PDB file of N, CA and C in Angstrom:
ATOM      1  N   UNK A   1      87.199 102.703 180.477  1.00  0.00           N
ATOM      2  CA  UNK A   1      86.758 103.657 179.479  1.00  0.00           C
ATOM      3  C   UNK A   1      87.756 104.804 179.326  1.00  0.00           C
ATOM      4  N   UNK A   2      88.317 105.224 180.469  1.00  0.00           N
ATOM      5  CA  UNK A   2      89.283 106.326 180.447  1.00  0.00           C
ATOM      6  C   UNK A   2      90.530 105.940 179.651  1.00  0.00           C
ATOM      7  N   UNK A   3      90.963 104.677 179.736  1.00  0.00           N
ATOM      8  CA  UNK A   3      92.141 104.205 179.008  1.00  0.00           C
ATOM      9  C   UNK A   3      91.918 104.282 177.509  1.00  0.00           C
ATOM     10  N   UNK A   4      90.728 103.943 177.058  1.00  0.00           N
ATOM     11  CA  UNK A   4      90.400 103.996 175.635  1.00  0.00           C
ATOM     12  C   UNK A   4      90.455 105.435 175.144  1.00  0.00           C
ATOM     13  N   UNK A   5      89.899 106.365 175.919  1.00  0.00           N
ATOM     14  CA  UNK A   5      89.922 107.775 175.529  1.00  0.00           C
ATOM     15  C   UNK A   5      91.353 108.310 175.499  1.00  0.00           C
ATOM     16  N   UNK A   6      92.148 107.902 176.470  1.00  0.00           N
ATOM     17  CA  UNK A   6      93.546 108.344 176.514  1.00  0.00           C
ATOM     18  C   UNK A   6      94.295 107.846 175.283  1.00  0.00           C
ATOM     19  N   UNK A   7      94.069 106.586 174.928  1.00  0.00           N
ATOM     20  CA  UNK A   7      94.710 106.029 173.733  1.00  0.00           C
ATOM     21  C   UNK A   7      94.247 106.743 172.473  1.00  0.00           C
ATOM     22  N   UNK A   8      92.965 107.014 172.391  1.00  0.00           N
ATOM     23  CA  UNK A   8      92.428 107.717 171.222  1.00  0.00           C
ATOM     24  C   UNK A   8      93.010 109.122 171.121  1.00  0.00           C
ATOM     25  N   UNK A   9      93.124 109.799 172.245  1.00  0.00           N
ATOM     26  CA  UNK A   9      93.704 111.146 172.249  1.00  0.00           C
ATOM     27  C   UNK A   9      95.166 111.097 171.821  1.00  0.00           C
ATOM     28  N   UNK A  10      95.895 110.107 172.300  1.00  0.00           N
ATOM     29  CA  UNK A  10      97.303 109.965 171.918  1.00  0.00           C
ATOM     30  C   UNK A  10      97.424 109.691 170.423  1.00  0.00           C
ATOM     31  N   UNK A  11      96.549 108.849 169.885  1.00  0.00           N
ATOM     32  CA  UNK A  11      96.571 108.558 168.452  1.00  0.00           C
ATOM     33  C   UNK A  11      96.230 109.799 167.639  1.00  0.00           C
ATOM     34  N   UNK A  12      95.279 110.596 168.125  1.00  0.00           N
ATOM     35  CA  UNK A  12      94.918 111.822 167.417  1.00  0.00           C
ATOM     36  C   UNK A  12      96.085 112.805 167.438  1.00  0.00           C
ATOM     37  N   UNK A  13      96.765 112.905 168.577  1.00  0.00           N
ATOM     38  CA  UNK A  13      97.929 113.790 168.663  1.00  0.00           C
ATOM     39  C   UNK A  13      99.024 113.334 167.707  1.00  0.00           C
ATOM     40  N   UNK A  14      99.252 112.036 167.656  1.00  0.00           N
ATOM     41  CA  UNK A  14     100.278 111.492 166.760  1.00  0.00           C
ATOM     42  C   UNK A  14      99.903 111.755 165.304  1.00  0.00           C
ATOM     43  N   UNK A  15      98.641 111.562 164.962  1.00  0.00           N
ATOM     44  CA  UNK A  15      98.171 111.821 163.601  1.00  0.00           C
ATOM     45  C   UNK A  15      98.303 113.295 163.252  1.00  0.00           C
ATOM     46  N   UNK A  16      97.970 114.161 164.193  1.00  0.00           N
ATOM     47  CA  UNK A  16      98.104 115.604 163.969  1.00  0.00           C
ATOM     48  C   UNK A  16      99.565 115.971 163.724  1.00  0.00           C
ATOM     49  N   UNK A  17     100.472 115.430 164.541  1.00  0.00           N
ATOM     50  CA  UNK A  17     101.909 115.697 164.349  1.00  0.00           C
ATOM     51  C   UNK A  17     102.386 115.192 162.994  1.00  0.00           C
ATOM     52  N   UNK A  18     101.887 114.030 162.587  1.00  0.00           N
ATOM     53  CA  UNK A  18     102.262 113.466 161.294  1.00  0.00           C
ATOM     54  C   UNK A  18     101.834 114.397 160.162  1.00  0.00           C
ATOM     55  N   UNK A  19     100.593 114.877 160.212  1.00  0.00           N
ATOM     56  CA  UNK A  19     100.114 115.792 159.173  1.00  0.00           C
ATOM     57  C   UNK A  19     100.883 117.108 159.179  1.00  0.00           C
ATOM     58  N   UNK A  20     101.196 117.628 160.363  1.00  0.00           N
ATOM     59  CA  UNK A  20     101.968 118.866 160.452  1.00  0.00           C
ATOM     60  C   UNK A  20     103.366 118.676 159.873  1.00  0.00           C
ATOM     61  N   UNK A  21     103.972 117.539 160.167  1.00  0.00           N
ATOM     62  CA  UNK A  21     105.305 117.247 159.640  1.00  0.00           C
ATOM     63  C   UNK A  21     105.276 117.135 158.122  1.00  0.00           C
ATOM     64  N   UNK A  22     104.272 116.457 157.604  1.00  0.00           N
ATOM     65  CA  UNK A  22     104.147 116.329 156.145  1.00  0.00           C
ATOM     66  C   UNK A  22     103.916 117.684 155.487  1.00  0.00           C
ATOM     67  N   UNK A  23     103.074 118.499 156.103  1.00  0.00           N
ATOM     68  CA  UNK A  23     102.803 119.828 155.549  1.00  0.00           C
ATOM     69  C   UNK A  23     104.073 120.669 155.532  1.00  0.00           C
ATOM     70  N   UNK A  24     104.855 120.597 156.607  1.00  0.00           N
ATOM     71  CA  UNK A  24     106.110 121.351 156.657  1.00  0.00           C
ATOM     72  C   UNK A  24     107.075 120.852 155.587  1.00  0.00           C
ATOM     73  N   UNK A  25     107.143 119.537 155.396  1.00  0.00           N
ATOM     74  CA  UNK A  25     108.019 118.970 154.366  1.00  0.00           C
ATOM     75  C   UNK A  25     107.587 119.408 152.974  1.00  0.00           C
ATOM     76  N   UNK A  26     106.290 119.405 152.730  1.00  0.00           N
ATOM     77  CA  UNK A  26     105.783 119.836 151.425  1.00  0.00           C
ATOM     78  C   UNK A  26     106.050 121.316 151.188  1.00  0.00           C
ATOM     79  N   UNK A  27     105.896 122.129 152.227  1.00  0.00           N
ATOM     80  CA  UNK A  27     106.191 123.562 152.096  1.00  0.00           C
ATOM     81  C   UNK A  27     107.656 123.780 151.743  1.00  0.00           C
ATOM     82  N   UNK A  28     108.536 123.054 152.430  1.00  0.00           N
ATOM     83  CA  UNK A  28     109.966 123.207 152.152  1.00  0.00           C
ATOM     84  C   UNK A  28     110.304 122.710 150.755  1.00  0.00           C
ATOM     85  N   UNK A  29     109.693 121.602 150.347  1.00  0.00           N
ATOM     86  CA  UNK A  29     109.970 121.046 149.020  1.00  0.00           C
ATOM     87  C   UNK A  29     109.496 121.977 147.911  1.00  0.00           C
ATOM     88  N   UNK A  30     108.399 122.690 148.140  1.00  0.00           N
ATOM     89  CA  UNK A  30     107.888 123.582 147.104  1.00  0.00           C
ATOM     90  C   UNK A  30     108.627 124.914 147.081  1.00  0.00           C
ATOM     91  N   UNK A  31     109.396 125.186 148.109  1.00  0.00           N
ATOM     92  CA  UNK A  31     110.159 126.429 148.184  1.00  0.00           C
ATOM     93  C   UNK A  31     111.347 126.367 147.228  1.00  0.00           C
ATOM     94  N   UNK A  32     111.713 127.509 146.667  1.00  0.00           N
ATOM     95  CA  UNK A  32     112.887 127.568 145.797  1.00  0.00           C
ATOM     96  C   UNK A  32     114.173 127.478 146.607  1.00  0.00           C
ATOM     97  N   UNK A  33     114.110 127.850 147.857  1.00  0.00           N
ATOM     98  CA  UNK A  33     115.288 127.849 148.715  1.00  0.00           C
ATOM     99  C   UNK A  33     114.942 127.094 150.002  1.00  0.00           C
ATOM    100  N   UNK A  34     115.723 126.066 150.348  1.00  0.00           N
ATOM    101  CA  UNK A  34     115.433 125.314 151.568  1.00  0.00           C
ATOM    102  C   UNK A  34     115.698 126.159 152.817  1.00  0.00           C
ATOM    103  N   UNK A  35     115.184 125.698 153.930  1.00  0.00           N
ATOM    104  CA  UNK A  35     115.352 126.432 155.179  1.00  0.00           C
ATOM    105  C   UNK A  35     116.793 126.341 155.682  1.00  0.00           C
ATOM    106  N   UNK A  36     117.086 127.107 156.723  1.00  0.00           N
ATOM    107  CA  UNK A  36     118.433 127.186 157.295  1.00  0.00           C
ATOM    108  C   UNK A  36     118.954 125.787 157.647  1.00  0.00           C
ATOM    109  N   UNK A  37     120.207 125.526 157.294  1.00  0.00           N
ATOM    110  CA  UNK A  37     120.889 124.245 157.539  1.00  0.00           C
ATOM    111  C   UNK A  37     120.300 123.084 156.740  1.00  0.00           C
ATOM    112  N   UNK A  38     119.546 123.377 155.706  1.00  0.00           N
ATOM    113  CA  UNK A  38     119.039 122.349 154.793  1.00  0.00           C
ATOM    114  C   UNK A  38     119.474 122.724 153.384  1.00  0.00           C
ATOM    115  N   UNK A  39     120.007 121.747 152.650  1.00  0.00           N
ATOM    116  CA  UNK A  39     120.454 121.994 151.280  1.00  0.00           C
ATOM    117  C   UNK A  39     119.944 120.900 150.365  1.00  0.00           C
ATOM    118  N   UNK A  40     119.716 121.264 149.113  1.00  0.00           N
ATOM    119  CA  UNK A  40     119.450 120.256 148.103  1.00  0.00           C
ATOM    120  C   UNK A  40     120.766 119.566 147.770  1.00  0.00           C
ATOM    121  N   UNK A  41     120.687 118.379 147.200  1.00  0.00           N
ATOM    122  CA  UNK A  41     121.884 117.576 146.940  1.00  0.00           C
ATOM    123  C   UNK A  41     122.907 118.322 146.085  1.00  0.00           C
ATOM    124  N   UNK A  42     122.460 118.991 145.045  1.00  0.00           N
ATOM    125  CA  UNK A  42     123.385 119.719 144.172  1.00  0.00           C
ATOM    126  C   UNK A  42     124.113 120.830 144.903  1.00  0.00           C
ATOM    127  N   UNK A  43     123.383 121.565 145.740  1.00  0.00           N
ATOM    128  CA  UNK A  43     124.002 122.649 146.511  1.00  0.00           C
ATOM    129  C   UNK A  43     124.970 122.087 147.542  1.00  0.00           C
ATOM    130  N   UNK A  44     124.618 120.953 148.145  1.00  0.00           N
ATOM    131  CA  UNK A  44     125.522 120.323 149.112  1.00  0.00           C
ATOM    132  C   UNK A  44     126.819 119.902 148.431  1.00  0.00           C
ATOM    133  N   UNK A  45     126.716 119.350 147.233  1.00  0.00           N
ATOM    134  CA  UNK A  45     127.905 118.950 146.481  1.00  0.00           C
ATOM    135  C   UNK A  45     128.783 120.163 146.184  1.00  0.00           C
ATOM    136  N   UNK A  46     128.168 121.262 145.742  1.00  0.00           N
ATOM    137  CA  UNK A  46     128.930 122.491 145.473  1.00  0.00           C
ATOM    138  C   UNK A  46     129.614 122.999 146.734  1.00  0.00           C
ATOM    139  N   UNK A  47     128.888 122.997 147.839  1.00  0.00           N
ATOM    140  CA  UNK A  47     129.438 123.473 149.108  1.00  0.00           C
ATOM    141  C   UNK A  47     130.625 122.623 149.543  1.00  0.00           C
ATOM    142  N   UNK A  48     130.484 121.303 149.475  1.00  0.00           N
ATOM    143  CA  UNK A  48     131.577 120.425 149.902  1.00  0.00           C
ATOM    144  C   UNK A  48     132.790 120.565 148.987  1.00  0.00           C
ATOM    145  N   UNK A  49     132.564 120.774 147.697  1.00  0.00           N
ATOM    146  CA  UNK A  49     133.693 121.007 146.783  1.00  0.00           C
ATOM    147  C   UNK A  49     134.370 122.336 147.087  1.00  0.00           C
ATOM    148  N   UNK A  50     133.579 123.376 147.316  1.00  0.00           N
ATOM    149  CA  UNK A  50     134.146 124.693 147.630  1.00  0.00           C
ATOM    150  C   UNK A  50     134.892 124.655 148.959  1.00  0.00           C
ATOM    151  N   UNK A  51     134.422 123.850 149.892  1.00  0.00           N
ATOM    152  CA  UNK A  51     135.065 123.727 151.205  1.00  0.00           C
ATOM    153  C   UNK A  51     136.508 123.245 151.077  1.00  0.00           C
ATOM    154  N   UNK A  52     136.779 122.428 150.088  1.00  0.00           N
ATOM    155  CA  UNK A  52     138.131 121.886 149.898  1.00  0.00           C
ATOM    156  C   UNK A  52     139.149 122.980 149.598  1.00  0.00           C
ATOM    157  N   UNK A  53     138.686 124.118 149.092  1.00  0.00           N
ATOM    158  CA  UNK A  53     139.585 125.218 148.719  1.00  0.00           C
ATOM    159  C   UNK A  53     139.734 126.266 149.816  1.00  0.00           C
ATOM    160  N   UNK A  54     139.001 126.124 150.900  1.00  0.00           N
ATOM    161  CA  UNK A  54     139.076 127.113 151.984  1.00  0.00           C
ATOM    162  C   UNK A  54     140.476 127.108 152.586  1.00  0.00           C
ATOM    163  N   UNK A  55     140.999 128.296 152.842  1.00  0.00           N
ATOM    164  CA  UNK A  55     142.355 128.422 153.390  1.00  0.00           C
ATOM    165  C   UNK A  55     142.361 128.779 154.875  1.00  0.00           C
ATOM    166  N   UNK A  56     141.296 129.444 155.323  1.00  0.00           N
ATOM    167  CA  UNK A  56     141.247 129.880 156.717  1.00  0.00           C
ATOM    168  C   UNK A  56     139.892 129.526 157.317  1.00  0.00           C
ATOM    169  N   UNK A  57     139.832 129.610 158.625  1.00  0.00           N
ATOM    170  CA  UNK A  57     138.570 129.371 159.322  1.00  0.00           C
ATOM    171  C   UNK A  57     137.528 130.406 158.875  1.00  0.00           C
ATOM    172  N   UNK A  58     137.963 131.630 158.625  1.00  0.00           N
ATOM    173  CA  UNK A  58     137.041 132.676 158.150  1.00  0.00           C
ATOM    174  C   UNK A  58     136.467 132.307 156.785  1.00  0.00           C
ATOM    175  N   UNK A  59     137.290 131.711 155.917  1.00  0.00           N
ATOM    176  CA  UNK A  59     136.793 131.250 154.613  1.00  0.00           C
ATOM    177  C   UNK A  59     135.668 130.231 154.800  1.00  0.00           C
ATOM    178  N   UNK A  60     135.868 129.296 155.737  1.00  0.00           N
ATOM    179  CA  UNK A  60     134.847 128.282 156.003  1.00  0.00           C
ATOM    180  C   UNK A  60     133.564 128.920 156.533  1.00  0.00           C
ATOM    181  N   UNK A  61     133.714 129.882 157.431  1.00  0.00           N
ATOM    182  CA  UNK A  61     132.538 130.548 157.992  1.00  0.00           C
ATOM    183  C   UNK A  61     131.774 131.325 156.918  1.00  0.00           C
ATOM    184  N   UNK A  62     132.502 132.019 156.048  1.00  0.00           N
ATOM    185  CA  UNK A  62     131.854 132.764 154.961  1.00  0.00           C
ATOM    186  C   UNK A  62     131.157 131.823 153.984  1.00  0.00           C
ATOM    187  N   UNK A  63     131.796 130.706 153.692  1.00  0.00           N
ATOM    188  CA  UNK A  63     131.216 129.717 152.788  1.00  0.00           C
ATOM    189  C   UNK A  63     129.926 129.146 153.380  1.00  0.00           C
ATOM    190  N   UNK A  64     129.971 128.789 154.646  1.00  0.00           N
ATOM    191  CA  UNK A  64     128.781 128.259 155.309  1.00  0.00           C
ATOM    192  C   UNK A  64     127.656 129.288 155.276  1.00  0.00           C
ATOM    193  N   UNK A  65     127.985 130.535 155.554  1.00  0.00           N
ATOM    194  CA  UNK A  65     126.984 131.608 155.556  1.00  0.00           C
ATOM    195  C   UNK A  65     126.370 131.777 154.165  1.00  0.00           C
ATOM    196  N   UNK A  66     127.215 131.708 153.134  1.00  0.00           N
ATOM    197  CA  UNK A  66     126.747 131.853 151.748  1.00  0.00           C
ATOM    198  C   UNK A  66     125.693 130.796 151.406  1.00  0.00           C
ATOM    199  N   UNK A  67     125.860 129.590 151.951  1.00  0.00           N
ATOM    200  CA  UNK A  67     124.938 128.496 151.661  1.00  0.00           C
ATOM    201  C   UNK A  67     123.836 128.354 152.721  1.00  0.00           C
ATOM    202  N   UNK A  68     123.763 129.322 153.649  1.00  0.00           N
ATOM    203  CA  UNK A  68     122.701 129.290 154.649  1.00  0.00           C
ATOM    204  C   UNK A  68     122.876 128.216 155.696  1.00  0.00           C
ATOM    205  N   UNK A  69     124.120 127.968 156.083  1.00  0.00           N
ATOM    206  CA  UNK A  69     124.403 126.953 157.095  1.00  0.00           C
ATOM    207  C   UNK A  69     125.208 127.553 158.231  1.00  0.00           C
ATOM    208  N   UNK A  70     125.109 126.924 159.387  1.00  0.00           N
ATOM    209  CA  UNK A  70     125.981 127.271 160.496  1.00  0.00           C
ATOM    210  C   UNK A  70     127.337 126.631 160.232  1.00  0.00           C
ATOM    211  N   UNK A  71     128.414 127.340 160.541  1.00  0.00           N
ATOM    212  CA  UNK A  71     129.762 126.806 160.318  1.00  0.00           C
ATOM    213  C   UNK A  71     129.976 125.522 161.112  1.00  0.00           C
ATOM    214  N   UNK A  72     129.462 125.474 162.338  1.00  0.00           N
ATOM    215  CA  UNK A  72     129.614 124.260 163.151  1.00  0.00           C
ATOM    216  C   UNK A  72     128.879 123.088 162.516  1.00  0.00           C
ATOM    217  N   UNK A  73     127.710 123.347 161.958  1.00  0.00           N
ATOM    218  CA  UNK A  73     126.932 122.286 161.309  1.00  0.00           C
ATOM    219  C   UNK A  73     127.668 121.774 160.076  1.00  0.00           C
ATOM    220  N   UNK A  74     128.276 122.684 159.318  1.00  0.00           N
ATOM    221  CA  UNK A  74     129.053 122.288 158.146  1.00  0.00           C
ATOM    222  C   UNK A  74     130.221 121.401 158.553  1.00  0.00           C
ATOM    223  N   UNK A  75     130.948 121.792 159.583  1.00  0.00           N
ATOM    224  CA  UNK A  75     132.098 120.997 160.020  1.00  0.00           C
ATOM    225  C   UNK A  75     131.660 119.643 160.560  1.00  0.00           C
ATOM    226  N   UNK A  76     130.553 119.617 161.264  1.00  0.00           N
ATOM    227  CA  UNK A  76     130.021 118.352 161.773  1.00  0.00           C
ATOM    228  C   UNK A  76     129.644 117.427 160.619  1.00  0.00           C
ATOM    229  N   UNK A  77     129.000 117.980 159.613  1.00  0.00           N
ATOM    230  CA  UNK A  77     128.611 117.208 158.436  1.00  0.00           C
ATOM    231  C   UNK A  77     129.834 116.731 157.659  1.00  0.00           C
ATOM    232  N   UNK A  78     130.828 117.606 157.540  1.00  0.00           N
ATOM    233  CA  UNK A  78     132.013 117.296 156.734  1.00  0.00           C
ATOM    234  C   UNK A  78     132.880 116.203 157.360  1.00  0.00           C
ATOM    235  N   UNK A  79     132.630 115.873 158.615  1.00  0.00           N
ATOM    236  CA  UNK A  79     133.376 114.762 159.225  1.00  0.00           C
ATOM    237  C   UNK A  79     132.953 113.418 158.643  1.00  0.00           C
ATOM    238  N   UNK A  80     131.715 113.350 158.146  1.00  0.00           N
ATOM    239  CA  UNK A  80     131.194 112.066 157.668  1.00  0.00           C
ATOM    240  C   UNK A  80     130.764 112.067 156.204  1.00  0.00           C
ATOM    241  N   UNK A  81     130.651 113.265 155.595  1.00  0.00           N
ATOM    242  CA  UNK A  81     130.209 113.367 154.202  1.00  0.00           C
ATOM    243  C   UNK A  81     131.187 114.251 153.447  1.00  0.00           C
ATOM    244  N   UNK A  82     131.494 113.882 152.219  1.00  0.00           N
ATOM    245  CA  UNK A  82     132.376 114.700 151.402  1.00  0.00           C
ATOM    246  C   UNK A  82     132.012 114.490 149.939  1.00  0.00           C
ATOM    247  N   UNK A  83     132.431 115.413 149.096  1.00  0.00           N
ATOM    248  CA  UNK A  83     132.239 115.267 147.653  1.00  0.00           C
ATOM    249  C   UNK A  83     133.407 114.448 147.108  1.00  0.00           C
ATOM    250  N   UNK A  84     133.179 113.632 146.107  1.00  0.00           N
ATOM    251  CA  UNK A  84     134.253 112.795 145.580  1.00  0.00           C
ATOM    252  C   UNK A  84     135.398 113.612 144.997  1.00  0.00           C
ATOM    253  N   UNK A  85     136.598 113.139 145.243  1.00  0.00           N
ATOM    254  CA  UNK A  85     137.807 113.719 144.655  1.00  0.00           C
ATOM    255  C   UNK A  85     138.651 112.577 144.123  1.00  0.00           C
ATOM    256  N   UNK A  86     139.379 112.852 143.067  1.00  0.00           N
ATOM    257  CA  UNK A  86     140.237 111.834 142.463  1.00  0.00           C
ATOM    258  C   UNK A  86     141.676 112.299 142.553  1.00  0.00           C
ATOM    259  N   UNK A  87     142.543 111.417 143.026  1.00  0.00           N
ATOM    260  CA  UNK A  87     143.975 111.710 143.073  1.00  0.00           C
ATOM    261  C   UNK A  87     144.585 111.173 141.783  1.00  0.00           C
ATOM    262  N   UNK A  88     144.962 112.075 140.889  1.00  0.00           N
ATOM    263  CA  UNK A  88     145.471 111.662 139.574  1.00  0.00           C
ATOM    264  C   UNK A  88     146.767 110.863 139.683  1.00  0.00           C
ATOM    265  N   UNK A  89     147.484 111.007 140.788  1.00  0.00           N
ATOM    266  CA  UNK A  89     148.722 110.225 140.961  1.00  0.00           C
ATOM    267  C   UNK A  89     148.425 108.744 141.148  1.00  0.00           C
ATOM    268  N   UNK A  90     147.192 108.427 141.537  1.00  0.00           N
ATOM    269  CA  UNK A  90     146.830 107.034 141.787  1.00  0.00           C
ATOM    270  C   UNK A  90     146.076 106.397 140.620  1.00  0.00           C
ATOM    271  N   UNK A  91     145.911 107.128 139.505  1.00  0.00           N
ATOM    272  CA  UNK A  91     145.229 106.577 138.332  1.00  0.00           C
ATOM    273  C   UNK A  91     146.045 105.435 137.740  1.00  0.00           C
ATOM    274  N   UNK A  92     145.340 104.403 137.302  1.00  0.00           N
ATOM    275  CA  UNK A  92     145.990 103.249 136.680  1.00  0.00           C
ATOM    276  C   UNK A  92     145.310 102.992 135.342  1.00  0.00           C
ATOM    277  N   UNK A  93     146.113 102.933 134.278  1.00  0.00           N
ATOM    278  CA  UNK A  93     145.567 102.602 132.957  1.00  0.00           C
ATOM    279  C   UNK A  93     145.735 101.108 132.743  1.00  0.00           C
ATOM    280  N   UNK A  94     144.646 100.489 132.290  1.00  0.00           N
ATOM    281  CA  UNK A  94     144.641  99.049 132.061  1.00  0.00           C
ATOM    282  C   UNK A  94     144.242  98.807 130.613  1.00  0.00           C
ATOM    283  N   UNK A  95     145.004  97.971 129.923  1.00  0.00           N
ATOM    284  CA  UNK A  95     144.692  97.586 128.547  1.00  0.00           C
ATOM    285  C   UNK A  95     144.391  96.094 128.564  1.00  0.00           C
ATOM    286  N   UNK A  96     143.186  95.732 128.114  1.00  0.00           N
ATOM    287  CA  UNK A  96     142.841  94.313 128.113  1.00  0.00           C
ATOM    288  C   UNK A  96     143.332  93.632 126.841  1.00  0.00           C
ATOM    289  N   UNK A  97     143.042  92.352 126.705  1.00  0.00           N
ATOM    290  CA  UNK A  97     143.558  91.575 125.575  1.00  0.00           C
ATOM    291  C   UNK A  97     142.998  92.041 124.235  1.00  0.00           C
ATOM    292  N   UNK A  98     141.897  92.776 124.229  1.00  0.00           N
ATOM    293  CA  UNK A  98     141.321  93.314 122.992  1.00  0.00           C
ATOM    294  C   UNK A  98     141.830  94.718 122.692  1.00  0.00           C
ATOM    295  N   UNK A  99     142.819  95.153 123.420  1.00  0.00           N
ATOM    296  CA  UNK A  99     143.427  96.481 123.278  1.00  0.00           C
ATOM    297  C   UNK A  99     142.476  97.611 123.686  1.00  0.00           C
ATOM    298  N   UNK A 100     141.459  97.262 124.472  1.00  0.00           N
ATOM    299  CA  UNK A 100     140.577  98.295 125.025  1.00  0.00           C
ATOM    300  C   UNK A 100     141.241  98.863 126.276  1.00  0.00           C
ATOM    301  N   UNK A 101     141.314 100.173 126.299  1.00  0.00           N
ATOM    302  CA  UNK A 101     141.972 100.828 127.426  1.00  0.00           C
ATOM    303  C   UNK A 101     140.932 101.419 128.371  1.00  0.00           C
ATOM    304  N   UNK A 102     141.173 101.271 129.651  1.00  0.00           N
ATOM    305  CA  UNK A 102     140.309 101.908 130.644  1.00  0.00           C
ATOM    306  C   UNK A 102     141.190 102.438 131.758  1.00  0.00           C
ATOM    307  N   UNK A 103     140.686 103.424 132.434  1.00  0.00           N
ATOM    308  CA  UNK A 103     141.437 104.041 133.518  1.00  0.00           C
ATOM    309  C   UNK A 103     140.715 103.792 134.830  1.00  0.00           C
ATOM    310  N   UNK A 104     141.461 103.321 135.796  1.00  0.00           N
ATOM    311  CA  UNK A 104     140.917 103.119 137.136  1.00  0.00           C
ATOM    312  C   UNK A 104     141.376 104.294 137.986  1.00  0.00           C
ATOM    313  N   UNK A 105     140.408 104.996 138.558  1.00  0.00           N
ATOM    314  CA  UNK A 105     140.716 106.175 139.371  1.00  0.00           C
ATOM    315  C   UNK A 105     140.381 105.879 140.827  1.00  0.00           C
ATOM    316  N   UNK A 106     141.214 106.379 141.709  1.00  0.00           N
ATOM    317  CA  UNK A 106     141.012 106.164 143.132  1.00  0.00           C
ATOM    318  C   UNK A 106     140.435 107.426 143.767  1.00  0.00           C
ATOM    319  N   UNK A 107     139.334 107.251 144.456  1.00  0.00           N
ATOM    320  CA  UNK A 107     138.732 108.383 145.167  1.00  0.00           C
ATOM    321  C   UNK A 107     139.476 108.593 146.482  1.00  0.00           C
ATOM    322  N   UNK A 108     139.652 109.849 146.849  1.00  0.00           N
ATOM    323  CA  UNK A 108     140.336 110.184 148.098  1.00  0.00           C
ATOM    324  C   UNK A 108     139.509 111.200 148.878  1.00  0.00           C
ATOM    325  N   UNK A 109     139.728 111.239 150.171  1.00  0.00           N
ATOM    326  CA  UNK A 109     139.066 112.198 151.049  1.00  0.00           C
ATOM    327  C   UNK A 109     139.947 113.428 151.129  1.00  0.00           C
ATOM    328  N   UNK A 110     139.404 114.589 150.793  1.00  0.00           N
ATOM    329  CA  UNK A 110     140.181 115.829 150.807  1.00  0.00           C
ATOM    330  C   UNK A 110     139.589 116.785 151.837  1.00  0.00           C
ATOM    331  N   UNK A 111     140.426 117.203 152.772  1.00  0.00           N
ATOM    332  CA  UNK A 111     140.039 118.224 153.742  1.00  0.00           C
ATOM    333  C   UNK A 111     140.661 119.545 153.327  1.00  0.00           C
ATOM    334  N   UNK A 112     140.066 120.665 153.725  1.00  0.00           N
ATOM    335  CA  UNK A 112     140.635 121.961 153.340  1.00  0.00           C
ATOM    336  C   UNK A 112     142.009 122.168 153.971  1.00  0.00           C
ATOM    337  N   UNK A 113     142.927 122.756 153.222  1.00  0.00           N
ATOM    338  CA  UNK A 113     144.279 123.004 153.750  1.00  0.00           C
ATOM    339  C   UNK A 113     144.306 124.275 154.602  1.00  0.00           C
ATOM    340  N   UNK A 114     143.682 124.218 155.760  1.00  0.00           N
ATOM    341  CA  UNK A 114     143.580 125.408 156.606  1.00  0.00           C
ATOM    342  C   UNK A 114     144.938 125.821 157.148  1.00  0.00           C
ATOM    343  N   UNK A 115     145.175 127.117 157.115  1.00  0.00           N
ATOM    344  CA  UNK A 115     146.405 127.661 157.686  1.00  0.00           C
ATOM    345  C   UNK A 115     146.211 127.762 159.189  1.00  0.00           C
ATOM    346  N   UNK A 116     147.214 127.339 159.930  1.00  0.00           N
ATOM    347  CA  UNK A 116     147.125 127.427 161.378  1.00  0.00           C
ATOM    348  C   UNK A 116     147.676 128.755 161.852  1.00  0.00           C
ATOM    349  N   UNK A 117     147.068 129.293 162.873  1.00  0.00           N
ATOM    350  CA  UNK A 117     147.531 130.566 163.436  1.00  0.00           C
ATOM    351  C   UNK A 117     148.735 130.306 164.327  1.00  0.00           C
ATOM    352  N   UNK A 118     149.715 131.189 164.243  1.00  0.00           N
ATOM    353  CA  UNK A 118     150.902 131.029 165.089  1.00  0.00           C
ATOM    354  C   UNK A 118     151.077 132.202 166.010  1.00  0.00           C
TER     355      UNK A 118
END
């Protein structure tokens, strides 16, 4: 009998955690501004694009702060996620037999050109 009660209590705890998690997600979704270290897709895209122009570590820290992120979290994220960039030197124009022209563009990974301290 004790095992059944223990299982029921565990299921109730799990259900309670599930409802709390859903409520927190709904609260964040209804908010105009996400919580710290959370961004909407559009803001993340803007942040990653702006990151490409950073010249110093201080620029990166200020940028992260502006978007409500920790600089370390931004750098950790930027190791695996980036906004698309196109290298115009790698563009190829193709004309098919109907004289329709199309351009093939190559996406490249761009990291910020940080100045190193000497």
